[in-house]
Amino acid sequence: MLPIQRFQPYGVDVSSSVETAPRIKSYEKMSEFIEAARARDA
């Protein structure tokens, strides 16, 4: 069981997890995260 499944938080901070370099967000990484979150919620 993933921690997010166990604790079911209201929000998740993924800021640096979706960056390709400091302060540079990756559209691809953000899209992948959102797709995974939506699939989990379905």
PDB file of N, CA and C in Angstrom:
ATOM      1  N   MET A   1       0.849  -1.177   0.000  1.00  0.00           N
ATOM      2  CA  MET A   1       0.000   0.000   0.000  1.00  0.00           C
ATOM      3  C   MET A   1       0.896   1.242   0.000  1.00  0.00           C
ATOM      4  N   LEU A   2       0.603   2.157  -0.906  1.00  0.00           N
ATOM      5  CA  LEU A   2       1.350   3.412  -0.979  1.00  0.00           C
ATOM      6  C   LEU A   2       0.939   4.338   0.160  1.00  0.00           C
ATOM      7  N   PRO A   3       1.864   5.174   0.650  1.00  0.00           N
ATOM      8  CA  PRO A   3       1.506   6.104   1.732  1.00  0.00           C
ATOM      9  C   PRO A   3       0.296   6.972   1.391  1.00  0.00           C
ATOM     10  N   ILE A   4       0.189   7.389   0.147  1.00  0.00           N
ATOM     11  CA  ILE A   4      -0.950   8.237  -0.235  1.00  0.00           C
ATOM     12  C   ILE A   4      -2.270   7.471  -0.117  1.00  0.00           C
ATOM     13  N   GLN A   5      -2.239   6.173  -0.346  1.00  0.00           N
ATOM     14  CA  GLN A   5      -3.445   5.358  -0.198  1.00  0.00           C
ATOM     15  C   GLN A   5      -3.763   5.151   1.282  1.00  0.00           C
ATOM     16  N   ARG A   6      -2.736   4.989   2.074  1.00  0.00           N
ATOM     17  CA  ARG A   6      -2.941   4.736   3.501  1.00  0.00           C
ATOM     18  C   ARG A   6      -3.490   5.963   4.229  1.00  0.00           C
ATOM     19  N   PHE A   7      -2.907   7.133   3.957  1.00  0.00           N
ATOM     20  CA  PHE A   7      -3.274   8.330   4.704  1.00  0.00           C
ATOM     21  C   PHE A   7      -4.337   9.182   4.028  1.00  0.00           C
ATOM     22  N   GLN A   8      -4.543   9.033   2.737  1.00  0.00           N
ATOM     23  CA  GLN A   8      -5.530   9.780   1.962  1.00  0.00           C
ATOM     24  C   GLN A   8      -5.507  11.280   2.294  1.00  0.00           C
ATOM     25  N   PRO A   9      -4.386  11.946   2.001  1.00  0.00           N
ATOM     26  CA  PRO A   9      -4.268  13.369   2.322  1.00  0.00           C
ATOM     27  C   PRO A   9      -5.168  14.233   1.448  1.00  0.00           C
ATOM     28  N   TYR A  10      -5.444  15.425   1.924  1.00  0.00           N
ATOM     29  CA  TYR A  10      -6.243  16.386   1.164  1.00  0.00           C
ATOM     30  C   TYR A  10      -5.467  16.901  -0.036  1.00  0.00           C
ATOM     31  N   GLY A  11      -4.159  17.026   0.104  1.00  0.00           N
ATOM     32  CA  GLY A  11      -3.307  17.534  -0.972  1.00  0.00           C
ATOM     33  C   GLY A  11      -1.943  16.876  -0.931  1.00  0.00           C
ATOM     34  N   VAL A  12      -1.214  17.014  -2.030  1.00  0.00           N
ATOM     35  CA  VAL A  12       0.122  16.436  -2.136  1.00  0.00           C
ATOM     36  C   VAL A  12       1.048  17.470  -2.774  1.00  0.00           C
ATOM     37  N   ASP A  13       2.193  17.721  -2.154  1.00  0.00           N
ATOM     38  CA  ASP A  13       3.174  18.658  -2.707  1.00  0.00           C
ATOM     39  C   ASP A  13       4.125  17.892  -3.621  1.00  0.00           C
ATOM     40  N   VAL A  14       4.019  18.147  -4.908  1.00  0.00           N
ATOM     41  CA  VAL A  14       4.883  17.472  -5.882  1.00  0.00           C
ATOM     42  C   VAL A  14       5.753  18.474  -6.635  1.00  0.00           C
ATOM     43  N   SER A  15       5.871  19.663  -6.122  1.00  0.00           N
ATOM     44  CA  SER A  15       6.546  20.754  -6.831  1.00  0.00           C
ATOM     45  C   SER A  15       7.879  20.347  -7.449  1.00  0.00           C
ATOM     46  N   SER A  16       8.824  19.901  -6.639  1.00  0.00           N
ATOM     47  CA  SER A  16      10.139  19.555  -7.182  1.00  0.00           C
ATOM     48  C   SER A  16      10.123  18.231  -7.936  1.00  0.00           C
ATOM     49  N   SER A  17       9.115  17.417  -7.708  1.00  0.00           N
ATOM     50  CA  SER A  17       9.022  16.122  -8.402  1.00  0.00           C
ATOM     51  C   SER A  17       8.653  16.263  -9.869  1.00  0.00           C
ATOM     52  N   VAL A  18       8.127  17.398 -10.254  1.00  0.00           N
ATOM     53  CA  VAL A  18       7.723  17.602 -11.649  1.00  0.00           C
ATOM     54  C   VAL A  18       8.626  18.620 -12.351  1.00  0.00           C
ATOM     55  N   GLU A  19       9.834  18.791 -11.821  1.00  0.00           N
ATOM     56  CA  GLU A  19      10.793  19.719 -12.415  1.00  0.00           C
ATOM     57  C   GLU A  19      11.867  18.968 -13.198  1.00  0.00           C
ATOM     58  N   THR A  20      12.333  19.578 -14.273  1.00  0.00           N
ATOM     59  CA  THR A  20      13.468  19.040 -15.018  1.00  0.00           C
ATOM     60  C   THR A  20      14.766  19.677 -14.530  1.00  0.00           C
ATOM     61  N   ALA A  21      14.652  20.855 -13.944  1.00  0.00           N
ATOM     62  CA  ALA A  21      15.757  21.597 -13.334  1.00  0.00           C
ATOM     63  C   ALA A  21      15.119  22.511 -12.295  1.00  0.00           C
ATOM     64  N   PRO A  22      15.902  23.054 -11.362  1.00  0.00           N
ATOM     65  CA  PRO A  22      15.304  23.937 -10.359  1.00  0.00           C
ATOM     66  C   PRO A  22      14.433  25.028 -10.990  1.00  0.00           C
ATOM     67  N   ARG A  23      13.197  25.104 -10.531  1.00  0.00           N
ATOM     68  CA  ARG A  23      12.194  26.091 -10.957  1.00  0.00           C
ATOM     69  C   ARG A  23      11.710  25.914 -12.398  1.00  0.00           C
ATOM     70  N   ILE A  24      12.074  24.817 -13.063  1.00  0.00           N
ATOM     71  CA  ILE A  24      11.621  24.561 -14.431  1.00  0.00           C
ATOM     72  C   ILE A  24      10.686  23.353 -14.405  1.00  0.00           C
ATOM     73  N   LYS A  25       9.402  23.611 -14.568  1.00  0.00           N
ATOM     74  CA  LYS A  25       8.410  22.534 -14.524  1.00  0.00           C
ATOM     75  C   LYS A  25       8.343  21.807 -15.864  1.00  0.00           C
ATOM     76  N   SER A  26       8.112  20.505 -15.789  1.00  0.00           N
ATOM     77  CA  SER A  26       7.972  19.676 -16.980  1.00  0.00           C
ATOM     78  C   SER A  26       6.489  19.410 -17.218  1.00  0.00           C
ATOM     79  N   TYR A  27       5.994  19.849 -18.369  1.00  0.00           N
ATOM     80  CA  TYR A  27       4.592  19.601 -18.713  1.00  0.00           C
ATOM     81  C   TYR A  27       4.329  18.098 -18.735  1.00  0.00           C
ATOM     82  N   GLU A  28       5.274  17.333 -19.267  1.00  0.00           N
ATOM     83  CA  GLU A  28       5.110  15.876 -19.350  1.00  0.00           C
ATOM     84  C   GLU A  28       5.011  15.246 -17.959  1.00  0.00           C
ATOM     85  N   LYS A  29       5.893  15.633 -17.047  1.00  0.00           N
ATOM     86  CA  LYS A  29       5.857  15.085 -15.688  1.00  0.00           C
ATOM     87  C   LYS A  29       4.574  15.481 -14.964  1.00  0.00           C
ATOM     88  N   MET A  30       4.122  16.726 -15.158  1.00  0.00           N
ATOM     89  CA  MET A  30       2.874  17.159 -14.524  1.00  0.00           C
ATOM     90  C   MET A  30       1.693  16.364 -15.068  1.00  0.00           C
ATOM     91  N   SER A  31       1.661  16.162 -16.375  1.00  0.00           N
ATOM     92  CA  SER A  31       0.576  15.402 -17.001  1.00  0.00           C
ATOM     93  C   SER A  31       0.554  13.967 -16.501  1.00  0.00           C
ATOM     94  N   GLU A  32       1.734  13.344 -16.405  1.00  0.00           N
ATOM     95  CA  GLU A  32       1.818  11.970 -15.916  1.00  0.00           C
ATOM     96  C   GLU A  32       1.317  11.868 -14.480  1.00  0.00           C
ATOM     97  N   PHE A  33       1.689  12.836 -13.645  1.00  0.00           N
ATOM     98  CA  PHE A  33       1.236  12.821 -12.256  1.00  0.00           C
ATOM     99  C   PHE A  33      -0.283  12.952 -12.179  1.00  0.00           C
ATOM    100  N   ILE A  34      -0.840  13.886 -12.931  1.00  0.00           N
ATOM    101  CA  ILE A  34      -2.286  14.107 -12.903  1.00  0.00           C
ATOM    102  C   ILE A  34      -3.032  12.876 -13.410  1.00  0.00           C
ATOM    103  N   GLU A  35      -2.542  12.265 -14.474  1.00  0.00           N
ATOM    104  CA  GLU A  35      -3.173  11.042 -14.992  1.00  0.00           C
ATOM    105  C   GLU A  35      -3.151   9.935 -13.945  1.00  0.00           C
ATOM    106  N   ALA A  36      -2.018   9.759 -13.274  1.00  0.00           N
ATOM    107  CA  ALA A  36      -1.905   8.727 -12.243  1.00  0.00           C
ATOM    108  C   ALA A  36      -2.844   9.016 -11.075  1.00  0.00           C
ATOM    109  N   ALA A  37      -2.938  10.276 -10.671  1.00  0.00           N
ATOM    110  CA  ALA A  37      -3.827  10.647  -9.568  1.00  0.00           C
ATOM    111  C   ALA A  37      -5.288  10.420  -9.939  1.00  0.00           C
ATOM    112  N   ARG A  38      -5.654  10.769 -11.147  1.00  0.00           N
ATOM    113  CA  ARG A  38      -7.036  10.561 -11.592  1.00  0.00           C
ATOM    114  C   ARG A  38      -7.359   9.080 -11.706  1.00  0.00           C
ATOM    115  N   ALA A  39      -6.415   8.282 -12.181  1.00  0.00           N
ATOM    116  CA  ALA A  39      -6.632   6.837 -12.299  1.00  0.00           C
ATOM    117  C   ALA A  39      -6.828   6.223 -10.918  1.00  0.00           C
ATOM    118  N   ARG A  40      -6.100   6.705  -9.944  1.00  0.00           N
ATOM    119  CA  ARG A  40      -6.214   6.205  -8.571  1.00  0.00           C
ATOM    120  C   ARG A  40      -7.570   6.571  -7.975  1.00  0.00           C
ATOM    121  N   ASP A  41      -8.076   7.739  -8.345  1.00  0.00           N
ATOM    122  CA  ASP A  41      -9.332   8.240  -7.787  1.00  0.00           C
ATOM    123  C   ASP A  41     -10.555   7.612  -8.454  1.00  0.00           C
ATOM    124  N   ALA A  42     -10.370   7.017  -9.617  1.00  0.00           N
ATOM    125  CA  ALA A  42     -11.505   6.464 -10.377  1.00  0.00           C
ATOM    126  C   ALA A  42     -12.027   5.181  -9.775  1.00  0.00           C
TER     127      ALA A  42
END
